Each structure stands twice: as C-alpha cells, then as structure tokens.
Amino acid sequence: MKYFKSILVFIGLSILIIQTCLLKMQKNDYDKLTHEVKNKLKIDSITIAQLSGRIELMYSNDQFSINEKTTLIRERGDSILLKDIPFEDLLFVIRFSEFNCMSCISSEMEKVSKFIEPNNTLCLATYSQLNDLVVTKKLLRLSEPVYKIPFNAFKNTIEQKKMPYYFVLDKDYQISHLFVADPNNHKMTEKYLKYIATIIKKNKQE
C-alpha cells in the first residue's frame, strides 16, 4: 500500500511538472508572438508614415515647370541648354545625386530599364565633380544620357531633401507624374514605371 501511494505521488508530481513545462512553453510562445506582433505593428507604422510623407511630397511638388534655358553639363564637360535636348512630346526624367547611395541608384535604374526605353529617358544628376558622375555612369552601365546640374536646380522641397525622384516633362517644360522613389517598395515603383510607359506609348500613337 505504501509502495502504491509512492507511485501515485510520483505520477502526480510528474503530471504537475509536465503541466508547468507546458504552461511555460505556452507563455514563451505567447511572449514571442506578442513580440513579433509589436514589431510588425511598429514596422507597419513606420512604413505608413514614410509612405504618407512621400505622397505629400509628390502632391505638393507636382505642379511646377522647368526653365527651358537651364544649363546642363555633358559628360565631356561642354554645356547644352535643356531646350536643345531633342525629344518627342514626353520625356521621362530621372533625378539623382551623389547624396544617394550607389546601390539605391543602381536598383532604381534596373527597374527603369525594364519599362522605359533609353531614348525616352533623361538623367539629371548632381555631383560636385564631373568625373565622379562619369565614373558613376560607367559603374552603373547606364545607356541613358546623363547631364550634370547644380544642387537645388529645381525649386521644390524634394531637391532640398536630396531624394531621388522621377517626373515626366512635356514640350512646354511642365512637370507631371512626379514620383519619389522608395528603395524599400519595389512593387510601387514598378507599378508607377509601368503606368508611365503606357502614357508615353499612348502619347506616341496619338
């Protein structure tokens, strides 16, 4: 009888230990899940805030024009006026600078090349040294023409923030479809580029 009681006590303790372990595991799983959810909410909040900021920049800067007499510096060092750049109806412009990381520019240019033809594209870049721009173009293997322009050449807040961005330029040198590139949101950028490619193609057919 004493032996039987000992077995019951042992079984009871074993069950208690197992339940305690299971509860601890469940708590650990709960804590881990809670931590993941909190991090996800935090990341989503940051993403939403960044997206909202970019959208605000786009809308606040979308309606402006470029002086057709803006001076552009060619890769070999001579200059040309913007009005002397030949293009048909619409020109897709990529604006970047030495303030943007090389990998970011490379990633953006790869996306552009998938949707926009080089003969419809113009790159306007700000570099303190022309040679740095030339080297960057070679490293990125860009086929599009790249011209050097001064920092803050265009009067908009995006210039001041030193962010890469895109826009479409028409024959009256009016800006439209301005888009602030986001290296962390490839799908949005690709949708934008696909839309711009459609606009350019449609415009040529009219």
Protein backbone atom coordinates (compact mmCIF):
# COMPACT_ATOMS: atom_id res chain seq x y z
CA MET A 1 0.00 0.00 0.00
CA LYS A 2 2.85 2.38 0.87
CA TYR A 3 4.54 1.50 -2.40
CA PHE A 4 1.31 2.20 -4.29
CA LYS A 5 0.98 5.63 -2.62
CA SER A 6 4.55 6.46 -3.61
CA ILE A 7 3.74 5.63 -7.23
CA LEU A 8 0.66 7.87 -7.12
CA VAL A 9 2.70 10.72 -5.63
CA PHE A 10 5.36 10.23 -8.32
CA ILE A 11 2.72 10.24 -11.07
CA GLY A 12 1.09 13.34 -9.60
CA LEU A 13 4.40 15.18 -9.41
CA SER A 14 5.23 14.14 -12.97
CA ILE A 15 1.90 15.46 -14.22
CA LEU A 16 2.43 18.70 -12.31
CA ILE A 17 5.93 19.11 -13.77
CA ILE A 18 4.68 18.41 -17.30
CA GLN A 19 1.82 20.90 -16.91
CA THR A 20 4.22 23.53 -15.57
CA CYS A 21 6.57 22.96 -18.52
CA LEU A 22 3.69 23.17 -20.98
CA LEU A 23 2.45 26.39 -19.40
CA LYS A 24 5.96 27.82 -19.55
CA MET A 25 6.28 26.83 -23.20
CA GLN A 26 2.90 28.36 -23.94
CA LYS A 27 3.94 31.56 -22.19
CA ASN A 28 7.18 31.65 -24.16
CA ASP A 29 5.23 31.14 -27.38
CA TYR A 30 2.80 33.84 -26.32
CA ASP A 31 5.62 36.25 -25.46
CA LYS A 32 7.34 35.50 -28.77
CA LEU A 33 4.13 36.01 -30.73
CA THR A 34 3.38 39.23 -28.86
CA HIS A 35 6.89 40.49 -29.55
CA GLU A 36 6.55 39.68 -33.26
CA VAL A 37 3.17 41.40 -33.48
CA LYS A 38 4.50 44.51 -31.72
CA ASN A 39 7.48 44.65 -34.08
CA LYS A 40 5.23 44.17 -37.10
CA LEU A 41 2.94 46.97 -35.95
CA LYS A 42 5.94 49.19 -35.34
CA ILE A 43 7.38 48.47 -38.79
CA ASP A 44 3.99 48.97 -40.44
CA SER A 45 3.59 52.28 -38.62
CA ILE A 46 6.99 53.43 -39.86
CA THR A 47 6.18 52.27 -43.40
CA ILE A 48 2.84 54.08 -43.40
CA ALA A 49 4.47 57.23 -42.06
CA GLN A 50 7.17 57.10 -44.76
CA LEU A 51 4.62 56.44 -47.47
CA SER A 52 2.43 59.31 -46.29
CA GLY A 53 5.45 61.60 -46.30
CA ARG A 54 6.36 60.65 -49.86
CA ILE A 55 2.80 61.08 -51.10
CA GLU A 56 2.65 64.53 -49.50
CA LEU A 57 5.92 65.47 -51.22
CA MET A 58 4.64 64.28 -54.58
CA TYR A 59 1.37 66.20 -54.40
CA SER A 60 2.93 69.38 -53.05
CA ASN A 61 5.58 69.47 -55.79
CA ASP A 62 3.76 68.07 -58.80
CA GLN A 63 2.77 71.37 -60.37
CA PHE A 64 5.91 73.21 -61.40
CA SER A 65 7.79 73.89 -64.61
CA ILE A 66 11.45 73.87 -65.58
CA ASN A 67 13.20 76.77 -67.22
CA GLU A 68 13.96 75.62 -70.75
CA LYS A 69 17.22 77.59 -70.58
CA THR A 70 18.52 75.50 -67.69
CA THR A 71 22.17 74.69 -68.37
CA LEU A 72 23.15 71.02 -68.46
CA ILE A 73 26.76 69.85 -68.40
CA ARG A 74 27.62 66.94 -70.67
CA GLU A 75 29.97 64.16 -69.63
CA ARG A 76 32.81 65.59 -71.69
CA GLY A 77 32.49 68.96 -69.93
CA ASP A 78 30.72 71.12 -72.51
CA SER A 79 27.28 72.56 -71.82
CA ILE A 80 23.89 72.45 -73.51
CA LEU A 81 20.55 74.08 -72.73
CA LEU A 82 17.61 71.95 -71.75
CA LYS A 83 15.61 73.28 -74.72
CA ASP A 84 18.24 71.82 -77.06
CA ILE A 85 17.65 68.27 -75.84
CA PRO A 86 15.59 66.60 -78.58
CA PHE A 87 12.59 64.53 -77.54
CA GLU A 88 9.15 63.60 -78.82
CA ASP A 89 6.24 65.03 -76.83
CA LEU A 90 7.14 63.47 -73.46
CA LEU A 91 10.45 62.84 -71.74
CA PHE A 92 10.93 60.69 -68.66
CA VAL A 93 13.41 62.32 -66.28
CA ILE A 94 15.41 60.61 -63.54
CA ARG A 95 16.78 62.93 -60.88
CA PHE A 96 19.53 61.69 -58.58
CA SER A 97 22.74 62.90 -56.96
CA GLU A 98 25.89 61.95 -55.13
CA PHE A 99 23.86 62.19 -51.92
CA ASN A 100 22.05 58.98 -52.90
CA CYS A 101 23.65 55.59 -52.24
CA MET A 102 25.12 53.78 -55.25
CA SER A 103 23.13 50.61 -54.63
CA CYS A 104 19.89 52.65 -54.46
CA ILE A 105 20.59 54.33 -57.79
CA SER A 106 21.57 51.01 -59.34
CA SER A 107 18.39 49.36 -58.12
CA GLU A 108 16.24 52.20 -59.45
CA MET A 109 17.96 52.22 -62.85
CA GLU A 110 17.45 48.48 -63.22
CA LYS A 111 13.73 48.94 -62.68
CA VAL A 112 13.59 51.85 -65.12
CA SER A 113 15.32 49.84 -67.86
CA LYS A 114 12.58 47.19 -67.65
CA PHE A 115 9.83 49.64 -68.58
CA ILE A 116 11.17 52.84 -70.16
CA GLU A 117 13.18 52.97 -73.37
CA PRO A 118 16.55 54.81 -73.14
CA ASN A 119 15.61 57.20 -75.97
CA ASN A 120 12.69 58.43 -73.85
CA THR A 121 14.83 58.90 -70.75
CA LEU A 122 17.00 61.70 -69.44
CA CYS A 123 19.14 61.56 -66.29
CA LEU A 124 19.86 64.77 -64.41
CA ALA A 125 22.46 64.30 -61.71
CA THR A 126 24.20 66.49 -59.16
CA TYR A 127 27.86 65.76 -58.46
CA SER A 128 30.47 68.15 -57.13
CA GLN A 129 32.99 66.72 -59.61
CA LEU A 130 32.06 65.88 -63.19
CA ASN A 131 34.48 62.96 -63.17
CA ASP A 132 32.55 61.39 -60.28
CA LEU A 133 29.40 61.48 -62.40
CA VAL A 134 31.22 59.88 -65.35
CA VAL A 135 32.60 57.12 -63.14
CA THR A 136 29.18 56.52 -61.60
CA LYS A 137 27.59 56.18 -65.04
CA LYS A 138 30.21 53.62 -66.08
CA LEU A 139 29.78 51.64 -62.88
CA LEU A 140 26.01 51.61 -63.35
CA ARG A 141 26.37 50.79 -67.07
CA LEU A 142 23.83 53.43 -67.99
CA SER A 143 22.93 53.82 -71.67
CA GLU A 144 20.77 56.87 -70.98
CA PRO A 145 22.36 60.31 -71.39
CA VAL A 146 23.37 61.78 -68.03
CA TYR A 147 23.81 65.51 -67.50
CA LYS A 148 25.26 67.34 -64.53
CA ILE A 149 23.16 70.10 -62.95
CA PRO A 150 23.64 72.12 -59.76
CA PHE A 151 22.13 71.04 -56.48
CA ASN A 152 18.67 72.57 -55.92
CA ALA A 153 18.46 73.41 -59.64
CA PHE A 154 14.71 72.98 -59.42
CA LYS A 155 12.78 74.90 -56.81
CA ASN A 156 10.98 72.18 -54.93
CA THR A 157 11.22 70.64 -51.48
CA ILE A 158 12.33 67.26 -52.83
CA GLU A 159 15.55 68.87 -54.04
CA GLN A 160 16.17 70.17 -50.55
CA LYS A 161 15.65 66.72 -49.07
CA LYS A 162 18.20 65.25 -51.52
CA MET A 163 15.92 62.38 -52.51
CA PRO A 164 15.94 60.62 -55.89
CA TYR A 165 12.77 61.15 -57.87
CA TYR A 166 11.15 60.82 -61.30
CA PHE A 167 8.91 63.02 -63.39
CA VAL A 168 7.57 63.44 -66.92
CA LEU A 169 8.46 66.54 -68.91
CA ASP A 170 6.32 67.77 -71.81
CA LYS A 171 7.10 70.10 -74.72
CA ASP A 172 6.08 73.13 -72.64
CA TYR A 173 8.55 72.03 -69.95
CA GLN A 174 5.77 71.37 -67.50
CA ILE A 175 6.24 68.69 -64.84
CA SER A 176 3.72 65.92 -64.36
CA HIS A 177 3.55 62.47 -62.76
CA LEU A 178 6.20 63.28 -60.18
CA PHE A 179 7.19 60.26 -58.12
CA VAL A 180 9.53 59.98 -55.15
CA ALA A 181 11.38 56.68 -55.39
CA ASP A 182 11.30 54.33 -52.41
CA PRO A 183 14.05 51.64 -52.39
CA ASN A 184 12.01 49.64 -49.87
CA ASN A 185 8.88 49.48 -52.00
CA HIS A 186 9.82 47.92 -55.34
CA LYS A 187 6.28 46.97 -56.31
CA MET A 188 5.00 50.53 -56.04
CA THR A 189 7.88 51.87 -58.15
CA GLU A 190 7.35 49.19 -60.80
CA LYS A 191 3.62 49.97 -60.99
CA TYR A 192 4.47 53.65 -61.46
CA LEU A 193 7.03 52.91 -64.21
CA LYS A 194 4.62 50.58 -65.97
CA TYR A 195 1.99 53.32 -65.90
CA ILE A 196 4.44 55.91 -67.28
CA ALA A 197 5.48 53.54 -70.08
CA THR A 198 1.81 53.22 -71.03
CA ILE A 199 1.37 57.00 -71.08
CA ILE A 200 4.43 57.53 -73.29
CA LYS A 201 3.36 54.80 -75.68
CA LYS A 202 -0.19 56.11 -75.88
CA ASN A 203 1.05 59.64 -76.46
CA LYS A 204 3.19 58.49 -79.40
CA GLN A 205 0.22 56.78 -81.02
CA GLU A 206 -1.98 59.87 -80.89
